[in-house]
Each structure stands twice: as structure tokens, then as C-alpha cells.
């Protein structure tokens, strides 16, 4: 693999890691703000708040897809 592919892979992983960290931080702030502005959350979502959150799923799936595509293309076109 060339140095550019390794660099792009590290950048993609770093961006995905920061996205996960930032999303968890924002979700933690929401727990501290106990307001009466929203409706009640269903019990299934209360039991699994991270698994049922589409933001977490989208970030994880996209990150995995990007890493797999980078690795696939780097091995396919390697010298």
C-alpha cells in the first residue's frame, strides 16, 4: 500500500472516531437536560438507547463501508 492510502485510511478512521465521540457527548448532554418539552420515550428505546439511535447506526455503517472500500481498492490496485 502506498503512503497516501494509509494516510487516507487514518484520516477516515479519525473522522469516524471523532463523530462517534461527539455524538456520545451530545447524547450525554441530553440526559442532563430533563425537560418536559418532548413526549415520553418508548421502553424499547430506553433499554437500548445507542442501538436504536439512527445517528449512531449511520455513522458506524458509513465508517465501516469507507474503511472496507479503502482496503479493498488498495489491495486490488496494489503493485
PDB file of N, CA and C in Angstrom:
ATOM      1  N   UNK A   1       0.844  -1.184   0.000  1.00  0.00           N
ATOM      2  CA  UNK A   1       0.000   0.000   0.000  1.00  0.00           C
ATOM      3  C   UNK A   1       0.886   1.243   0.000  1.00  0.00           C
ATOM      4  N   UNK A   2       0.414   2.261  -0.679  1.00  0.00           N
ATOM      5  CA  UNK A   2       1.182   3.492  -0.720  1.00  0.00           C
ATOM      6  C   UNK A   2       0.916   4.317   0.531  1.00  0.00           C
ATOM      7  N   UNK A   3       1.738   5.289   0.742  1.00  0.00           N
ATOM      8  CA  UNK A   3       1.599   6.148   1.917  1.00  0.00           C
ATOM      9  C   UNK A   3       0.309   6.962   1.854  1.00  0.00           C
ATOM     10  N   UNK A   4      -0.163   7.266   0.645  1.00  0.00           N
ATOM     11  CA  UNK A   4      -1.393   8.041   0.511  1.00  0.00           C
ATOM     12  C   UNK A   4      -2.618   7.237   0.936  1.00  0.00           C
ATOM     13  N   UNK A   5      -2.639   5.968   0.617  1.00  0.00           N
ATOM     14  CA  UNK A   5      -3.751   5.107   1.025  1.00  0.00           C
ATOM     15  C   UNK A   5      -3.765   4.954   2.540  1.00  0.00           C
ATOM     16  N   UNK A   6      -2.614   4.768   3.135  1.00  0.00           N
ATOM     17  CA  UNK A   6      -2.527   4.649   4.586  1.00  0.00           C
ATOM     18  C   UNK A   6      -2.978   5.957   5.243  1.00  0.00           C
ATOM     19  N   UNK A   7      -2.551   7.078   4.690  1.00  0.00           N
ATOM     20  CA  UNK A   7      -2.941   8.386   5.230  1.00  0.00           C
ATOM     21  C   UNK A   7      -4.445   8.600   5.113  1.00  0.00           C
ATOM     22  N   UNK A   8      -5.028   8.264   3.970  1.00  0.00           N
ATOM     23  CA  UNK A   8      -6.475   8.412   3.805  1.00  0.00           C
ATOM     24  C   UNK A   8      -7.246   7.494   4.755  1.00  0.00           C
ATOM     25  N   UNK A   9      -6.742   6.295   4.971  1.00  0.00           N
ATOM     26  CA  UNK A   9      -7.384   5.379   5.913  1.00  0.00           C
ATOM     27  C   UNK A   9      -7.343   5.943   7.320  1.00  0.00           C
ATOM     28  N   UNK A  10      -6.202   6.473   7.725  1.00  0.00           N
ATOM     29  CA  UNK A  10      -6.094   7.060   9.064  1.00  0.00           C
ATOM     30  C   UNK A  10      -6.997   8.283   9.215  1.00  0.00           C
ATOM     31  N   UNK A  11      -7.096   9.097   8.187  1.00  0.00           N
ATOM     32  CA  UNK A  11      -7.980  10.257   8.251  1.00  0.00           C
ATOM     33  C   UNK A  11      -9.439   9.820   8.361  1.00  0.00           C
ATOM     34  N   UNK A  12      -9.837   8.807   7.591  1.00  0.00           N
ATOM     35  CA  UNK A  12     -11.211   8.305   7.644  1.00  0.00           C
ATOM     36  C   UNK A  12     -11.533   7.735   9.023  1.00  0.00           C
ATOM     37  N   UNK A  13     -10.613   6.998   9.594  1.00  0.00           N
ATOM     38  CA  UNK A  13     -10.828   6.424  10.929  1.00  0.00           C
ATOM     39  C   UNK A  13     -10.873   7.528  11.982  1.00  0.00           C
ATOM     40  N   UNK A  14     -10.038   8.543  11.851  1.00  0.00           N
ATOM     41  CA  UNK A  14     -10.034   9.653  12.809  1.00  0.00           C
ATOM     42  C   UNK A  14     -11.344  10.434  12.751  1.00  0.00           C
ATOM     43  N   UNK A  15     -11.836  10.698  11.558  1.00  0.00           N
ATOM     44  CA  UNK A  15     -13.104  11.416  11.424  1.00  0.00           C
ATOM     45  C   UNK A  15     -14.251  10.596  11.993  1.00  0.00           C
ATOM     46  N   UNK A  16     -14.252   9.301  11.730  1.00  0.00           N
ATOM     47  CA  UNK A  16     -15.300   8.436  12.276  1.00  0.00           C
ATOM     48  C   UNK A  16     -15.226   8.379  13.800  1.00  0.00           C
ATOM     49  N   UNK A  17     -14.025   8.290  14.346  1.00  0.00           N
ATOM     50  CA  UNK A  17     -13.870   8.274  15.800  1.00  0.00           C
ATOM     51  C   UNK A  17     -14.339   9.566  16.442  1.00  0.00           C
ATOM     52  N   UNK A  18     -13.992  10.701  15.836  1.00  0.00           N
ATOM     53  CA  UNK A  18     -14.436  11.980  16.379  1.00  0.00           C
ATOM     54  C   UNK A  18     -15.958  12.114  16.281  1.00  0.00           C
ATOM     55  N   UNK A  19     -16.553  11.610  15.194  1.00  0.00           N
ATOM     56  CA  UNK A  19     -18.005  11.671  15.048  1.00  0.00           C
ATOM     57  C   UNK A  19     -18.707  10.874  16.140  1.00  0.00           C
ATOM     58  N   UNK A  20     -18.188   9.691  16.422  1.00  0.00           N
ATOM     59  CA  UNK A  20     -18.765   8.868  17.491  1.00  0.00           C
ATOM     60  C   UNK A  20     -18.613   9.573  18.845  1.00  0.00           C
ATOM     61  N   UNK A  21     -17.428  10.105  19.121  1.00  0.00           N
ATOM     62  CA  UNK A  21     -17.189  10.803  20.379  1.00  0.00           C
ATOM     63  C   UNK A  21     -18.134  11.993  20.535  1.00  0.00           C
ATOM     64  N   UNK A  22     -18.272  12.797  19.488  1.00  0.00           N
ATOM     65  CA  UNK A  22     -19.115  13.983  19.557  1.00  0.00           C
ATOM     66  C   UNK A  22     -20.588  13.610  19.738  1.00  0.00           C
ATOM     67  N   UNK A  23     -21.025  12.550  19.066  1.00  0.00           N
ATOM     68  CA  UNK A  23     -22.409  12.118  19.198  1.00  0.00           C
ATOM     69  C   UNK A  23     -22.688  11.611  20.604  1.00  0.00           C
ATOM     70  N   UNK A  24     -21.752  10.868  21.198  1.00  0.00           N
ATOM     71  CA  UNK A  24     -21.931  10.415  22.576  1.00  0.00           C
ATOM     72  C   UNK A  24     -21.949  11.601  23.540  1.00  0.00           C
ATOM     73  N   UNK A  25     -21.122  12.613  23.283  1.00  0.00           N
ATOM     74  CA  UNK A  25     -21.086  13.782  24.149  1.00  0.00           C
ATOM     75  C   UNK A  25     -22.408  14.547  24.089  1.00  0.00           C
ATOM     76  N   UNK A  26     -22.957  14.704  22.907  1.00  0.00           N
ATOM     77  CA  UNK A  26     -24.238  15.394  22.764  1.00  0.00           C
ATOM     78  C   UNK A  26     -25.352  14.569  23.399  1.00  0.00           C
ATOM     79  N   UNK A  27     -25.314  13.256  23.242  1.00  0.00           N
ATOM     80  CA  UNK A  27     -26.326  12.402  23.865  1.00  0.00           C
ATOM     81  C   UNK A  27     -26.240  12.485  25.384  1.00  0.00           C
ATOM     82  N   UNK A  28     -25.049  12.612  25.932  1.00  0.00           N
ATOM     83  CA  UNK A  28     -24.894  12.762  27.381  1.00  0.00           C
ATOM     84  C   UNK A  28     -25.457  14.081  27.878  1.00  0.00           C
ATOM     85  N   UNK A  29     -25.351  15.133  27.073  1.00  0.00           N
ATOM     86  CA  UNK A  29     -25.920  16.419  27.463  1.00  0.00           C
ATOM     87  C   UNK A  29     -27.435  16.356  27.469  1.00  0.00           C
ATOM     88  N   UNK A  30     -28.006  15.587  26.576  1.00  0.00           N
ATOM     89  CA  UNK A  30     -29.454  15.459  26.530  1.00  0.00           C
ATOM     90  C   UNK A  30     -29.987  14.776  27.789  1.00  0.00           C
ATOM     91  N   UNK A  31     -29.221  13.857  28.349  1.00  0.00           N
ATOM     92  CA  UNK A  31     -29.660  13.184  29.576  1.00  0.00           C
ATOM     93  C   UNK A  31     -29.688  14.156  30.754  1.00  0.00           C
ATOM     94  N   UNK A  32     -28.735  15.101  30.770  1.00  0.00           N
ATOM     95  CA  UNK A  32     -28.679  16.051  31.872  1.00  0.00           C
ATOM     96  C   UNK A  32     -29.791  17.093  31.805  1.00  0.00           C
ATOM     97  N   UNK A  33     -30.270  17.370  30.623  1.00  0.00           N
ATOM     98  CA  UNK A  33     -31.347  18.346  30.457  1.00  0.00           C
ATOM     99  C   UNK A  33     -32.679  17.635  30.580  1.00  0.00           C
ATOM    100  N   UNK A  34     -33.241  17.646  31.749  1.00  0.00           N
ATOM    101  CA  UNK A  34     -34.505  16.948  31.976  1.00  0.00           C
ATOM    102  C   UNK A  34     -35.649  17.930  31.787  1.00  0.00           C
ATOM    103  N   UNK A  35     -36.096  18.081  30.560  1.00  0.00           N
ATOM    104  CA  UNK A  35     -37.182  18.998  30.267  1.00  0.00           C
ATOM    105  C   UNK A  35     -38.467  18.255  29.989  1.00  0.00           C
ATOM    106  N   UNK A  36     -39.543  18.983  30.002  1.00  0.00           N
ATOM    107  CA  UNK A  36     -40.855  18.410  29.730  1.00  0.00           C
ATOM    108  C   UNK A  36     -41.343  18.808  28.340  1.00  0.00           C
ATOM    109  N   UNK A  37     -40.415  19.064  27.426  1.00  0.00           N
ATOM    110  CA  UNK A  37     -40.795  19.554  26.115  1.00  0.00           C
ATOM    111  C   UNK A  37     -41.115  18.427  25.137  1.00  0.00           C
ATOM    112  N   UNK A  38     -40.569  17.267  25.333  1.00  0.00           N
ATOM    113  CA  UNK A  38     -40.768  16.146  24.409  1.00  0.00           C
ATOM    114  C   UNK A  38     -41.764  15.151  24.986  1.00  0.00           C
ATOM    115  N   UNK A  39     -42.230  14.268  24.114  1.00  0.00           N
ATOM    116  CA  UNK A  39     -43.112  13.203  24.564  1.00  0.00           C
ATOM    117  C   UNK A  39     -42.288  12.107  25.231  1.00  0.00           C
ATOM    118  N   UNK A  40     -42.954  11.150  25.825  1.00  0.00           N
ATOM    119  CA  UNK A  40     -42.278  10.055  26.522  1.00  0.00           C
ATOM    120  C   UNK A  40     -41.588   9.144  25.510  1.00  0.00           C
ATOM    121  N   UNK A  41     -40.420   8.658  25.876  1.00  0.00           N
ATOM    122  CA  UNK A  41     -39.639   7.758  25.019  1.00  0.00           C
ATOM    123  C   UNK A  41     -40.137   6.332  25.244  1.00  0.00           C
ATOM    124  N   UNK A  42     -40.321   5.568  24.165  1.00  0.00           N
ATOM    125  CA  UNK A  42     -40.771   4.177  24.334  1.00  0.00           C
ATOM    126  C   UNK A  42     -39.781   3.345  25.151  1.00  0.00           C
ATOM    127  N   UNK A  43     -40.305   2.319  25.814  1.00  0.00           N
ATOM    128  CA  UNK A  43     -39.468   1.486  26.692  1.00  0.00           C
ATOM    129  C   UNK A  43     -38.368   0.746  25.933  1.00  0.00           C
ATOM    130  N   UNK A  44     -38.654   0.302  24.714  1.00  0.00           N
ATOM    131  CA  UNK A  44     -37.630  -0.410  23.931  1.00  0.00           C
ATOM    132  C   UNK A  44     -36.442   0.495  23.641  1.00  0.00           C
ATOM    133  N   UNK A  45     -36.692   1.753  23.395  1.00  0.00           N
ATOM    134  CA  UNK A  45     -35.606   2.693  23.126  1.00  0.00           C
ATOM    135  C   UNK A  45     -34.874   3.045  24.419  1.00  0.00           C
ATOM    136  N   UNK A  46     -35.591   3.121  25.524  1.00  0.00           N
ATOM    137  CA  UNK A  46     -34.939   3.402  26.815  1.00  0.00           C
ATOM    138  C   UNK A  46     -33.975   2.286  27.206  1.00  0.00           C
ATOM    139  N   UNK A  47     -34.311   1.059  26.870  1.00  0.00           N
ATOM    140  CA  UNK A  47     -33.454  -0.067  27.234  1.00  0.00           C
ATOM    141  C   UNK A  47     -32.200  -0.124  26.373  1.00  0.00           C
ATOM    142  N   UNK A  48     -32.280   0.295  25.112  1.00  0.00           N
ATOM    143  CA  UNK A  48     -31.146   0.251  24.177  1.00  0.00           C
ATOM    144  C   UNK A  48     -31.029   1.595  23.467  1.00  0.00           C
ATOM    145  N   UNK A  49     -30.601   2.648  24.170  1.00  0.00           N
ATOM    146  CA  UNK A  49     -30.607   3.983  23.544  1.00  0.00           C
ATOM    147  C   UNK A  49     -29.598   4.134  22.412  1.00  0.00           C
ATOM    148  N   UNK A  50     -28.482   3.419  22.447  1.00  0.00           N
ATOM    149  CA  UNK A  50     -27.469   3.591  21.408  1.00  0.00           C
ATOM    150  C   UNK A  50     -27.729   2.702  20.205  1.00  0.00           C
ATOM    151  N   UNK A  51     -28.283   1.517  20.416  1.00  0.00           N
ATOM    152  CA  UNK A  51     -28.555   0.608  19.316  1.00  0.00           C
ATOM    153  C   UNK A  51     -29.723   1.123  18.470  1.00  0.00           C
ATOM    154  N   UNK A  52     -30.700   1.739  19.108  1.00  0.00           N
ATOM    155  CA  UNK A  52     -31.894   2.209  18.403  1.00  0.00           C
ATOM    156  C   UNK A  52     -31.732   3.610  17.817  1.00  0.00           C
ATOM    157  N   UNK A  53     -30.585   4.241  18.009  1.00  0.00           N
ATOM    158  CA  UNK A  53     -30.373   5.600  17.521  1.00  0.00           C
ATOM    159  C   UNK A  53     -29.870   5.550  16.080  1.00  0.00           C
ATOM    160  N   UNK A  54     -30.611   6.134  15.133  1.00  0.00           N
ATOM    161  CA  UNK A  54     -30.196   6.060  13.734  1.00  0.00           C
ATOM    162  C   UNK A  54     -28.914   6.837  13.442  1.00  0.00           C
ATOM    163  N   UNK A  55     -28.593   7.837  14.251  1.00  0.00           N
ATOM    164  CA  UNK A  55     -27.354   8.591  14.031  1.00  0.00           C
ATOM    165  C   UNK A  55     -26.152   7.689  14.288  1.00  0.00           C
ATOM    166  N   UNK A  56     -26.169   6.954  15.380  1.00  0.00           N
ATOM    167  CA  UNK A  56     -25.083   6.027  15.686  1.00  0.00           C
ATOM    168  C   UNK A  56     -24.955   4.963  14.600  1.00  0.00           C
ATOM    169  N   UNK A  57     -26.078   4.415  14.194  1.00  0.00           N
ATOM    170  CA  UNK A  57     -26.041   3.372  13.165  1.00  0.00           C
ATOM    171  C   UNK A  57     -25.506   3.908  11.844  1.00  0.00           C
ATOM    172  N   UNK A  58     -25.914   5.110  11.465  1.00  0.00           N
ATOM    173  CA  UNK A  58     -25.449   5.688  10.198  1.00  0.00           C
ATOM    174  C   UNK A  58     -23.951   5.942  10.236  1.00  0.00           C
ATOM    175  N   UNK A  59     -23.452   6.490  11.340  1.00  0.00           N
ATOM    176  CA  UNK A  59     -22.015   6.763  11.450  1.00  0.00           C
ATOM    177  C   UNK A  59     -21.224   5.463  11.427  1.00  0.00           C
ATOM    178  N   UNK A  60     -21.673   4.465  12.157  1.00  0.00           N
ATOM    179  CA  UNK A  60     -20.953   3.189  12.199  1.00  0.00           C
ATOM    180  C   UNK A  60     -20.966   2.483  10.845  1.00  0.00           C
ATOM    181  N   UNK A  61     -22.127   2.440  10.202  1.00  0.00           N
ATOM    182  CA  UNK A  61     -22.205   1.751   8.913  1.00  0.00           C
ATOM    183  C   UNK A  61     -21.403   2.482   7.841  1.00  0.00           C
ATOM    184  N   UNK A  62     -21.489   3.797   7.798  1.00  0.00           N
ATOM    185  CA  UNK A  62     -20.735   4.547   6.800  1.00  0.00           C
ATOM    186  C   UNK A  62     -19.235   4.410   7.034  1.00  0.00           C
ATOM    187  N   UNK A  63     -18.824   4.469   8.295  1.00  0.00           N
ATOM    188  CA  UNK A  63     -17.403   4.335   8.609  1.00  0.00           C
ATOM    189  C   UNK A  63     -16.881   2.961   8.209  1.00  0.00           C
ATOM    190  N   UNK A  64     -17.639   1.938   8.521  1.00  0.00           N
ATOM    191  CA  UNK A  64     -17.227   0.587   8.139  1.00  0.00           C
ATOM    192  C   UNK A  64     -17.169   0.455   6.617  1.00  0.00           C
ATOM    193  N   UNK A  65     -18.125   1.026   5.916  1.00  0.00           N
ATOM    194  CA  UNK A  65     -18.135   0.979   4.459  1.00  0.00           C
ATOM    195  C   UNK A  65     -16.922   1.681   3.871  1.00  0.00           C
ATOM    196  N   UNK A  66     -16.583   2.849   4.391  1.00  0.00           N
ATOM    197  CA  UNK A  66     -15.438   3.602   3.873  1.00  0.00           C
ATOM    198  C   UNK A  66     -14.134   2.835   4.105  1.00  0.00           C
ATOM    199  N   UNK A  67     -13.967   2.293   5.279  1.00  0.00           N
ATOM    200  CA  UNK A  67     -12.744   1.548   5.585  1.00  0.00           C
ATOM    201  C   UNK A  67     -12.639   0.297   4.704  1.00  0.00           C
ATOM    202  N   UNK A  68     -13.743  -0.407   4.523  1.00  0.00           N
ATOM    203  CA  UNK A  68     -13.723  -1.606   3.681  1.00  0.00           C
ATOM    204  C   UNK A  68     -13.410  -1.236   2.233  1.00  0.00           C
ATOM    205  N   UNK A  69     -13.989  -0.158   1.736  1.00  0.00           N
ATOM    206  CA  UNK A  69     -13.718   0.249   0.353  1.00  0.00           C
ATOM    207  C   UNK A  69     -12.268   0.696   0.174  1.00  0.00           C
ATOM    208  N   UNK A  70     -11.729   1.420   1.138  1.00  0.00           N
ATOM    209  CA  UNK A  70     -10.329   1.844   1.048  1.00  0.00           C
ATOM    210  C   UNK A  70      -9.408   0.628   1.037  1.00  0.00           C
ATOM    211  N   UNK A  71      -9.654  -0.313   1.926  1.00  0.00           N
ATOM    212  CA  UNK A  71      -8.813  -1.508   1.974  1.00  0.00           C
ATOM    213  C   UNK A  71      -8.972  -2.355   0.709  1.00  0.00           C
ATOM    214  N   UNK A  72     -10.190  -2.504   0.238  1.00  0.00           N
ATOM    215  CA  UNK A  72     -10.424  -3.299  -0.975  1.00  0.00           C
ATOM    216  C   UNK A  72      -9.704  -2.691  -2.178  1.00  0.00           C
ATOM    217  N   UNK A  73      -9.877  -1.397  -2.368  1.00  0.00           N
ATOM    218  CA  UNK A  73      -9.256  -0.756  -3.520  1.00  0.00           C
ATOM    219  C   UNK A  73      -7.731  -0.728  -3.405  1.00  0.00           C
ATOM    220  N   UNK A  74      -7.237  -0.581  -2.174  1.00  0.00           N
ATOM    221  CA  UNK A  74      -5.789  -0.570  -2.018  1.00  0.00           C
ATOM    222  C   UNK A  74      -5.172  -1.939  -2.312  1.00  0.00           C
ATOM    223  N   UNK A  75      -5.855  -3.015  -1.935  1.00  0.00           N
ATOM    224  CA  UNK A  75      -5.325  -4.350  -2.233  1.00  0.00           C
ATOM    225  C   UNK A  75      -5.561  -4.731  -3.693  1.00  0.00           C
ATOM    226  N   UNK A  76      -6.630  -4.246  -4.284  1.00  0.00           N
ATOM    227  CA  UNK A  76      -6.916  -4.581  -5.669  1.00  0.00           C
ATOM    228  C   UNK A  76      -5.928  -3.925  -6.622  1.00  0.00           C
ATOM    229  N   UNK A  77      -5.578  -2.679  -6.351  1.00  0.00           N
ATOM    230  CA  UNK A  77      -4.684  -1.958  -7.241  1.00  0.00           C
ATOM    231  C   UNK A  77      -3.261  -1.868  -6.709  1.00  0.00           C
ATOM    232  N   UNK A  78      -2.911  -2.726  -5.765  1.00  0.00           N
ATOM    233  CA  UNK A  78      -1.547  -2.747  -5.227  1.00  0.00           C
ATOM    234  C   UNK A  78      -0.608  -3.335  -6.283  1.00  0.00           C
ATOM    235  N   UNK A  79       0.605  -2.946  -6.204  1.00  0.00           N
ATOM    236  CA  UNK A  79       1.583  -3.391  -7.200  1.00  0.00           C
ATOM    237  C   UNK A  79       2.076  -4.748  -6.876  1.00  0.00           C
TER     238      UNK A  79
END
